[in-house]
Amino acid sequence: MAAAILAHADVLAGVQIADMPGRVEPGAGAIAFAPVMAALARIGRKGLVEAEFNPARAGCEGEQEALAALRRLSLLSSVDPGCGR
């Protein structure tokens, strides 16, 4: 994927991420996201990176793990899922 990003940077418009199998949060599946994010940084990507997935684990714990995964990719700074409220 990183090679495709670098090769087609001139036509890259939208970026949407999820891991696989199962369209789960980054890091819960088989995709290595560090090279993908590095490629986006290398091309100077400043646009939105959308994350559309279902947390791998159900409930509040799954939501917290998904938010932590996005933070590790520097896609999210501070969001509280409101668990326990």
PDB file of N, CA and C in Angstrom:
ATOM      1  N   MET A   1       0.802  -1.189   0.000  1.00  0.00           N
ATOM      2  CA  MET A   1       0.000   0.000   0.000  1.00  0.00           C
ATOM      3  C   MET A   1       0.850   1.260   0.000  1.00  0.00           C
ATOM      4  N   ALA A   2       1.925   1.251   0.766  1.00  0.00           N
ATOM      5  CA  ALA A   2       2.780   2.438   0.814  1.00  0.00           C
ATOM      6  C   ALA A   2       3.333   2.754  -0.568  1.00  0.00           C
ATOM      7  N   ALA A   3       3.746   1.735  -1.300  1.00  0.00           N
ATOM      8  CA  ALA A   3       4.272   1.954  -2.652  1.00  0.00           C
ATOM      9  C   ALA A   3       3.207   2.556  -3.562  1.00  0.00           C
ATOM     10  N   ALA A   4       1.970   2.116  -3.424  1.00  0.00           N
ATOM     11  CA  ALA A   4       0.880   2.659  -4.241  1.00  0.00           C
ATOM     12  C   ALA A   4       0.635   4.129  -3.897  1.00  0.00           C
ATOM     13  N   ILE A   5       0.718   4.463  -2.623  1.00  0.00           N
ATOM     14  CA  ILE A   5       0.546   5.862  -2.216  1.00  0.00           C
ATOM     15  C   ILE A   5       1.625   6.726  -2.844  1.00  0.00           C
ATOM     16  N   LEU A   6       2.861   6.269  -2.770  1.00  0.00           N
ATOM     17  CA  LEU A   6       3.973   7.043  -3.337  1.00  0.00           C
ATOM     18  C   LEU A   6       3.860   7.149  -4.849  1.00  0.00           C
ATOM     19  N   ALA A   7       3.437   6.082  -5.491  1.00  0.00           N
ATOM     20  CA  ALA A   7       3.337   6.070  -6.957  1.00  0.00           C
ATOM     21  C   ALA A   7       2.191   6.921  -7.485  1.00  0.00           C
ATOM     22  N   HIS A   8       1.155   7.082  -6.684  1.00  0.00           N
ATOM     23  CA  HIS A   8      -0.043   7.779  -7.177  1.00  0.00           C
ATOM     24  C   HIS A   8      -0.381   9.015  -6.350  1.00  0.00           C
ATOM     25  N   ALA A   9       0.612   9.592  -5.725  1.00  0.00           N
ATOM     26  CA  ALA A   9       0.388  10.753  -4.871  1.00  0.00           C
ATOM     27  C   ALA A   9      -0.279  11.902  -5.619  1.00  0.00           C
ATOM     28  N   ASP A  10       0.003  12.015  -6.911  1.00  0.00           N
ATOM     29  CA  ASP A  10      -0.540  13.128  -7.683  1.00  0.00           C
ATOM     30  C   ASP A  10      -2.045  13.037  -7.900  1.00  0.00           C
ATOM     31  N   VAL A  11      -2.627  11.867  -7.720  1.00  0.00           N
ATOM     32  CA  VAL A  11      -4.070  11.710  -7.922  1.00  0.00           C
ATOM     33  C   VAL A  11      -4.800  11.276  -6.647  1.00  0.00           C
ATOM     34  N   LEU A  12      -4.075  11.206  -5.554  1.00  0.00           N
ATOM     35  CA  LEU A  12      -4.677  10.784  -4.297  1.00  0.00           C
ATOM     36  C   LEU A  12      -5.621  11.873  -3.788  1.00  0.00           C
ATOM     37  N   ALA A  13      -6.863  11.498  -3.557  1.00  0.00           N
ATOM     38  CA  ALA A  13      -7.842  12.471  -3.076  1.00  0.00           C
ATOM     39  C   ALA A  13      -8.252  12.130  -1.657  1.00  0.00           C
ATOM     40  N   GLY A  14      -9.036  11.090  -1.493  1.00  0.00           N
ATOM     41  CA  GLY A  14      -9.499  10.702  -0.176  1.00  0.00           C
ATOM     42  C   GLY A  14      -8.705   9.538   0.369  1.00  0.00           C
ATOM     43  N   VAL A  15      -8.569   9.500   1.684  1.00  0.00           N
ATOM     44  CA  VAL A  15      -7.891   8.389   2.337  1.00  0.00           C
ATOM     45  C   VAL A  15      -8.807   7.872   3.440  1.00  0.00           C
ATOM     46  N   GLN A  16      -9.132   6.612   3.359  1.00  0.00           N
ATOM     47  CA  GLN A  16      -9.977   5.977   4.359  1.00  0.00           C
ATOM     48  C   GLN A  16      -9.266   4.714   4.831  1.00  0.00           C
ATOM     49  N   ILE A  17      -9.215   4.502   6.139  1.00  0.00           N
ATOM     50  CA  ILE A  17      -8.491   3.356   6.664  1.00  0.00           C
ATOM     51  C   ILE A  17      -9.371   2.460   7.530  1.00  0.00           C
ATOM     52  N   ALA A  18      -9.038   1.195   7.505  1.00  0.00           N
ATOM     53  CA  ALA A  18      -9.580   0.160   8.391  1.00  0.00           C
ATOM     54  C   ALA A  18      -8.650  -1.033   8.229  1.00  0.00           C
ATOM     55  N   ASP A  19      -8.607  -1.883   9.201  1.00  0.00           N
ATOM     56  CA  ASP A  19      -7.761  -3.064   9.114  1.00  0.00           C
ATOM     57  C   ASP A  19      -8.601  -4.245   8.637  1.00  0.00           C
ATOM     58  N   MET A  20      -7.933  -5.305   8.277  1.00  0.00           N
ATOM     59  CA  MET A  20      -8.630  -6.487   7.789  1.00  0.00           C
ATOM     60  C   MET A  20      -7.977  -7.732   8.340  1.00  0.00           C
ATOM     61  N   PRO A  21      -8.676  -8.818   8.451  1.00  0.00           N
ATOM     62  CA  PRO A  21     -10.064  -9.019   8.024  1.00  0.00           C
ATOM     63  C   PRO A  21     -11.043  -8.410   9.016  1.00  0.00           C
ATOM     64  N   GLY A  22     -12.226  -8.156   8.529  1.00  0.00           N
ATOM     65  CA  GLY A  22     -13.314  -7.728   9.384  1.00  0.00           C
ATOM     66  C   GLY A  22     -13.540  -6.236   9.500  1.00  0.00           C
ATOM     67  N   ARG A  23     -12.790  -5.428   8.777  1.00  0.00           N
ATOM     68  CA  ARG A  23     -12.926  -3.968   8.842  1.00  0.00           C
ATOM     69  C   ARG A  23     -12.875  -3.482  10.292  1.00  0.00           C
ATOM     70  N   VAL A  24     -11.765  -3.812  10.966  1.00  0.00           N
ATOM     71  CA  VAL A  24     -11.554  -3.469  12.373  1.00  0.00           C
ATOM     72  C   VAL A  24     -10.569  -2.306  12.482  1.00  0.00           C
ATOM     73  N   GLU A  25     -10.321  -1.860  13.711  1.00  0.00           N
ATOM     74  CA  GLU A  25      -9.430  -0.720  13.914  1.00  0.00           C
ATOM     75  C   GLU A  25      -7.994  -1.065  13.503  1.00  0.00           C
ATOM     76  N   PRO A  26      -7.228  -0.046  13.095  1.00  0.00           N
ATOM     77  CA  PRO A  26      -5.837  -0.262  12.735  1.00  0.00           C
ATOM     78  C   PRO A  26      -5.078  -0.954  13.871  1.00  0.00           C
ATOM     79  N   GLY A  27      -4.329  -1.983  13.505  1.00  0.00           N
ATOM     80  CA  GLY A  27      -3.546  -2.724  14.483  1.00  0.00           C
ATOM     81  C   GLY A  27      -4.216  -3.990  14.968  1.00  0.00           C
ATOM     82  N   ALA A  28      -5.508  -4.147  14.667  1.00  0.00           N
ATOM     83  CA  ALA A  28      -6.235  -5.338  15.108  1.00  0.00           C
ATOM     84  C   ALA A  28      -6.309  -6.386  14.008  1.00  0.00           C
ATOM     85  N   GLY A  29      -5.697  -6.126  12.878  1.00  0.00           N
ATOM     86  CA  GLY A  29      -5.745  -7.045  11.749  1.00  0.00           C
ATOM     87  C   GLY A  29      -4.377  -7.256  11.140  1.00  0.00           C
ATOM     88  N   ALA A  30      -4.351  -7.419   9.834  1.00  0.00           N
ATOM     89  CA  ALA A  30      -3.143  -7.836   9.129  1.00  0.00           C
ATOM     90  C   ALA A  30      -2.353  -6.708   8.454  1.00  0.00           C
ATOM     91  N   ILE A  31      -2.895  -5.506   8.389  1.00  0.00           N
ATOM     92  CA  ILE A  31      -2.225  -4.427   7.661  1.00  0.00           C
ATOM     93  C   ILE A  31      -1.188  -3.743   8.554  1.00  0.00           C
ATOM     94  N   ALA A  32      -0.014  -3.524   7.989  1.00  0.00           N
ATOM     95  CA  ALA A  32       1.034  -2.767   8.677  1.00  0.00           C
ATOM     96  C   ALA A  32       0.808  -1.285   8.359  1.00  0.00           C
ATOM     97  N   PHE A  33       0.311  -0.539   9.319  1.00  0.00           N
ATOM     98  CA  PHE A  33      -0.053   0.854   9.062  1.00  0.00           C
ATOM     99  C   PHE A  33       1.117   1.823   9.161  1.00  0.00           C
ATOM    100  N   ALA A  34       2.193   1.466   9.828  1.00  0.00           N
ATOM    101  CA  ALA A  34       3.338   2.385   9.937  1.00  0.00           C
ATOM    102  C   ALA A  34       3.867   2.783   8.558  1.00  0.00           C
ATOM    103  N   PRO A  35       4.082   1.846   7.622  1.00  0.00           N
ATOM    104  CA  PRO A  35       4.540   2.255   6.294  1.00  0.00           C
ATOM    105  C   PRO A  35       3.504   3.089   5.528  1.00  0.00           C
ATOM    106  N   VAL A  36       2.234   2.806   5.745  1.00  0.00           N
ATOM    107  CA  VAL A  36       1.172   3.578   5.083  1.00  0.00           C
ATOM    108  C   VAL A  36       1.206   5.023   5.570  1.00  0.00           C
ATOM    109  N   MET A  37       1.263   5.197   6.881  1.00  0.00           N
ATOM    110  CA  MET A  37       1.289   6.544   7.443  1.00  0.00           C
ATOM    111  C   MET A  37       2.577   7.274   7.073  1.00  0.00           C
ATOM    112  N   ALA A  38       3.690   6.552   7.020  1.00  0.00           N
ATOM    113  CA  ALA A  38       4.960   7.161   6.609  1.00  0.00           C
ATOM    114  C   ALA A  38       4.886   7.630   5.158  1.00  0.00           C
ATOM    115  N   ALA A  39       4.246   6.846   4.308  1.00  0.00           N
ATOM    116  CA  ALA A  39       4.091   7.238   2.895  1.00  0.00           C
ATOM    117  C   ALA A  39       3.224   8.483   2.784  1.00  0.00           C
ATOM    118  N   LEU A  40       2.146   8.544   3.554  1.00  0.00           N
ATOM    119  CA  LEU A  40       1.294   9.733   3.534  1.00  0.00           C
ATOM    120  C   LEU A  40       2.079  10.965   3.997  1.00  0.00           C
ATOM    121  N   ALA A  41       2.896  10.801   5.014  1.00  0.00           N
ATOM    122  CA  ALA A  41       3.730  11.913   5.483  1.00  0.00           C
ATOM    123  C   ALA A  41       4.756  12.300   4.428  1.00  0.00           C
ATOM    124  N   ARG A  42       5.335  11.311   3.785  1.00  0.00           N
ATOM    125  CA  ARG A  42       6.371  11.577   2.779  1.00  0.00           C
ATOM    126  C   ARG A  42       5.838  12.387   1.600  1.00  0.00           C
ATOM    127  N   ILE A  43       4.585  12.146   1.225  1.00  0.00           N
ATOM    128  CA  ILE A  43       4.018  12.910   0.100  1.00  0.00           C
ATOM    129  C   ILE A  43       3.439  14.245   0.565  1.00  0.00           C
ATOM    130  N   GLY A  44       3.534  14.509   1.869  1.00  0.00           N
ATOM    131  CA  GLY A  44       3.047  15.771   2.396  1.00  0.00           C
ATOM    132  C   GLY A  44       1.541  15.832   2.545  1.00  0.00           C
ATOM    133  N   ARG A  45       0.934  14.704   2.754  1.00  0.00           N
ATOM    134  CA  ARG A  45      -0.527  14.631   2.889  1.00  0.00           C
ATOM    135  C   ARG A  45      -0.993  15.494   4.038  1.00  0.00           C
ATOM    136  N   LYS A  46      -1.862  16.428   3.752  1.00  0.00           N
ATOM    137  CA  LYS A  46      -2.413  17.320   4.766  1.00  0.00           C
ATOM    138  C   LYS A  46      -3.918  17.137   4.915  1.00  0.00           C
ATOM    139  N   GLY A  47      -4.521  16.365   4.026  1.00  0.00           N
ATOM    140  CA  GLY A  47      -5.967  16.201   4.042  1.00  0.00           C
ATOM    141  C   GLY A  47      -6.444  15.222   5.094  1.00  0.00           C
ATOM    142  N   LEU A  48      -7.733  15.068   5.108  1.00  0.00           N
ATOM    143  CA  LEU A  48      -8.404  14.196   6.055  1.00  0.00           C
ATOM    144  C   LEU A  48      -8.062  12.730   5.805  1.00  0.00           C
ATOM    145  N   VAL A  49      -7.818  11.999   6.882  1.00  0.00           N
ATOM    146  CA  VAL A  49      -7.691  10.543   6.831  1.00  0.00           C
ATOM    147  C   VAL A  49      -8.874  10.011   7.628  1.00  0.00           C
ATOM    148  N   GLU A  50      -9.794   9.381   6.912  1.00  0.00           N
ATOM    149  CA  GLU A  50     -11.017   8.887   7.553  1.00  0.00           C
ATOM    150  C   GLU A  50     -10.805   7.473   8.071  1.00  0.00           C
ATOM    151  N   ALA A  51     -11.315   7.212   9.247  1.00  0.00           N
ATOM    152  CA  ALA A  51     -11.259   5.875   9.831  1.00  0.00           C
ATOM    153  C   ALA A  51     -12.693   5.366   9.942  1.00  0.00           C
ATOM    154  N   GLU A  52     -12.993   4.317   9.196  1.00  0.00           N
ATOM    155  CA  GLU A  52     -14.336   3.736   9.224  1.00  0.00           C
ATOM    156  C   GLU A  52     -14.205   2.257   9.508  1.00  0.00           C
ATOM    157  N   PHE A  53     -14.542   1.870  10.730  1.00  0.00           N
ATOM    158  CA  PHE A  53     -14.355   0.484  11.148  1.00  0.00           C
ATOM    159  C   PHE A  53     -15.277   0.159  12.307  1.00  0.00           C
ATOM    160  N   ASN A  54     -15.351  -1.100  12.626  1.00  0.00           N
ATOM    161  CA  ASN A  54     -16.031  -1.581  13.827  1.00  0.00           C
ATOM    162  C   ASN A  54     -14.953  -2.096  14.768  1.00  0.00           C
ATOM    163  N   PRO A  55     -14.940  -1.643  16.013  1.00  0.00           N
ATOM    164  CA  PRO A  55     -13.923  -2.134  16.940  1.00  0.00           C
ATOM    165  C   PRO A  55     -13.911  -3.670  17.000  1.00  0.00           C
ATOM    166  N   ALA A  56     -12.727  -4.235  17.096  1.00  0.00           N
ATOM    167  CA  ALA A  56     -12.579  -5.690  17.131  1.00  0.00           C
ATOM    168  C   ALA A  56     -13.250  -6.288  18.367  1.00  0.00           C
ATOM    169  N   ARG A  57     -13.233  -5.551  19.462  1.00  0.00           N
ATOM    170  CA  ARG A  57     -13.889  -6.012  20.697  1.00  0.00           C
ATOM    171  C   ARG A  57     -15.130  -5.173  20.933  1.00  0.00           C
ATOM    172  N   ALA A  58     -16.143  -5.808  21.465  1.00  0.00           N
ATOM    173  CA  ALA A  58     -17.392  -5.115  21.752  1.00  0.00           C
ATOM    174  C   ALA A  58     -17.285  -4.280  23.026  1.00  0.00           C
ATOM    175  N   GLY A  59     -18.177  -3.337  23.168  1.00  0.00           N
ATOM    176  CA  GLY A  59     -18.298  -2.579  24.395  1.00  0.00           C
ATOM    177  C   GLY A  59     -17.290  -1.463  24.556  1.00  0.00           C
ATOM    178  N   CYS A  60     -17.297  -0.925  25.752  1.00  0.00           N
ATOM    179  CA  CYS A  60     -16.449   0.210  26.089  1.00  0.00           C
ATOM    180  C   CYS A  60     -14.964  -0.106  25.918  1.00  0.00           C
ATOM    181  N   GLU A  61     -14.562  -1.318  26.300  1.00  0.00           N
ATOM    182  CA  GLU A  61     -13.151  -1.689  26.162  1.00  0.00           C
ATOM    183  C   GLU A  61     -12.725  -1.668  24.699  1.00  0.00           C
ATOM    184  N   GLY A  62     -13.589  -2.151  23.834  1.00  0.00           N
ATOM    185  CA  GLY A  62     -13.291  -2.130  22.406  1.00  0.00           C
ATOM    186  C   GLY A  62     -13.176  -0.715  21.863  1.00  0.00           C
ATOM    187  N   GLU A  63     -14.051   0.171  22.319  1.00  0.00           N
ATOM    188  CA  GLU A  63     -13.979   1.570  21.899  1.00  0.00           C
ATOM    189  C   GLU A  63     -12.680   2.210  22.373  1.00  0.00           C
ATOM    190  N   GLN A  64     -12.298   1.929  23.612  1.00  0.00           N
ATOM    191  CA  GLN A  64     -11.055   2.492  24.140  1.00  0.00           C
ATOM    192  C   GLN A  64      -9.841   1.967  23.369  1.00  0.00           C
ATOM    193  N   GLU A  65      -9.835   0.680  23.037  1.00  0.00           N
ATOM    194  CA  GLU A  65      -8.735   0.116  22.252  1.00  0.00           C
ATOM    195  C   GLU A  65      -8.685   0.736  20.868  1.00  0.00           C
ATOM    196  N   ALA A  66      -9.831   0.974  20.257  1.00  0.00           N
ATOM    197  CA  ALA A  66      -9.869   1.588  18.930  1.00  0.00           C
ATOM    198  C   ALA A  66      -9.328   3.015  18.972  1.00  0.00           C
ATOM    199  N   LEU A  67      -9.716   3.772  19.989  1.00  0.00           N
ATOM    200  CA  LEU A  67      -9.191   5.133  20.130  1.00  0.00           C
ATOM    201  C   LEU A  67      -7.687   5.122  20.351  1.00  0.00           C
ATOM    202  N   ALA A  68      -7.210   4.184  21.141  1.00  0.00           N
ATOM    203  CA  ALA A  68      -5.760   4.066  21.374  1.00  0.00           C
ATOM    204  C   ALA A  68      -5.031   3.748  20.074  1.00  0.00           C
ATOM    205  N   ALA A  69      -5.630   2.906  19.240  1.00  0.00           N
ATOM    206  CA  ALA A  69      -5.020   2.569  17.949  1.00  0.00           C
ATOM    207  C   ALA A  69      -4.903   3.804  17.070  1.00  0.00           C
ATOM    208  N   LEU A  70      -5.929   4.639  17.048  1.00  0.00           N
ATOM    209  CA  LEU A  70      -5.880   5.867  16.252  1.00  0.00           C
ATOM    210  C   LEU A  70      -4.851   6.839  16.803  1.00  0.00           C
ATOM    211  N   ARG A  71      -4.742   6.903  18.121  1.00  0.00           N
ATOM    212  CA  ARG A  71      -3.718   7.781  18.718  1.00  0.00           C
ATOM    213  C   ARG A  71      -2.313   7.325  18.326  1.00  0.00           C
ATOM    214  N   ARG A  72      -2.092   6.006  18.298  1.00  0.00           N
ATOM    215  CA  ARG A  72      -0.770   5.493  17.916  1.00  0.00           C
ATOM    216  C   ARG A  72      -0.412   5.890  16.494  1.00  0.00           C
ATOM    217  N   LEU A  73      -1.413   6.077  15.646  1.00  0.00           N
ATOM    218  CA  LEU A  73      -1.169   6.510  14.267  1.00  0.00           C
ATOM    219  C   LEU A  73      -1.177   8.031  14.142  1.00  0.00           C
ATOM    220  N   SER A  74      -1.298   8.713  15.275  1.00  0.00           N
ATOM    221  CA  SER A  74      -1.361  10.182  15.312  1.00  0.00           C
ATOM    222  C   SER A  74      -2.558  10.715  14.543  1.00  0.00           C
ATOM    223  N   LEU A  75      -3.660   9.968  14.556  1.00  0.00           N
ATOM    224  CA  LEU A  75      -4.879  10.416  13.900  1.00  0.00           C
ATOM    225  C   LEU A  75      -5.869  11.007  14.879  1.00  0.00           C
ATOM    226  N   LEU A  76      -5.544  10.912  16.141  1.00  0.00           N
ATOM    227  CA  LEU A  76      -6.487  11.355  17.160  1.00  0.00           C
ATOM    228  C   LEU A  76      -5.686  11.844  18.349  1.00  0.00           C
ATOM    229  N   SER A  77      -6.052  12.987  18.860  1.00  0.00           N
ATOM    230  CA  SER A  77      -5.304  13.487  20.004  1.00  0.00           C
ATOM    231  C   SER A  77      -6.018  13.165  21.309  1.00  0.00           C
ATOM    232  N   SER A  78      -7.213  13.671  21.502  1.00  0.00           N
ATOM    233  CA  SER A  78      -7.875  13.460  22.782  1.00  0.00           C
ATOM    234  C   SER A  78      -9.381  13.350  22.589  1.00  0.00           C
ATOM    235  N   VAL A  79      -9.891  12.156  22.748  1.00  0.00           N
ATOM    236  CA  VAL A  79     -11.338  11.928  22.684  1.00  0.00           C
ATOM    237  C   VAL A  79     -11.690  10.945  23.780  1.00  0.00           C
ATOM    238  N   ASP A  80     -12.732  11.233  24.487  1.00  0.00           N
ATOM    239  CA  ASP A  80     -13.221  10.338  25.542  1.00  0.00           C
ATOM    240  C   ASP A  80     -14.494   9.688  25.024  1.00  0.00           C
ATOM    241  N   PRO A  81     -14.541   8.352  24.925  1.00  0.00           N
ATOM    242  CA  PRO A  81     -15.730   7.708  24.405  1.00  0.00           C
ATOM    243  C   PRO A  81     -16.919   7.794  25.352  1.00  0.00           C
ATOM    244  N   GLY A  82     -16.751   8.332  26.541  1.00  0.00           N
ATOM    245  CA  GLY A  82     -17.851   8.488  27.473  1.00  0.00           C
ATOM    246  C   GLY A  82     -18.252   7.188  28.152  1.00  0.00           C
ATOM    247  N   CYS A  83     -17.371   6.256  28.238  1.00  0.00           N
ATOM    248  CA  CYS A  83     -17.677   4.975  28.863  1.00  0.00           C
ATOM    249  C   CYS A  83     -18.015   5.175  30.329  1.00  0.00           C
ATOM    250  N   GLY A  84     -19.040   4.486  30.768  1.00  0.00           N
ATOM    251  CA  GLY A  84     -19.409   4.540  32.163  1.00  0.00           C
ATOM    252  C   GLY A  84     -20.250   5.738  32.547  1.00  0.00           C
ATOM    253  N   ARG A  85     -20.668   6.515  31.580  1.00  0.00           N
ATOM    254  CA  ARG A  85     -21.491   7.698  31.881  1.00  0.00           C
ATOM    255  C   ARG A  85     -22.917   7.452  31.510  1.00  0.00           C
TER     256      ARG A  85
END
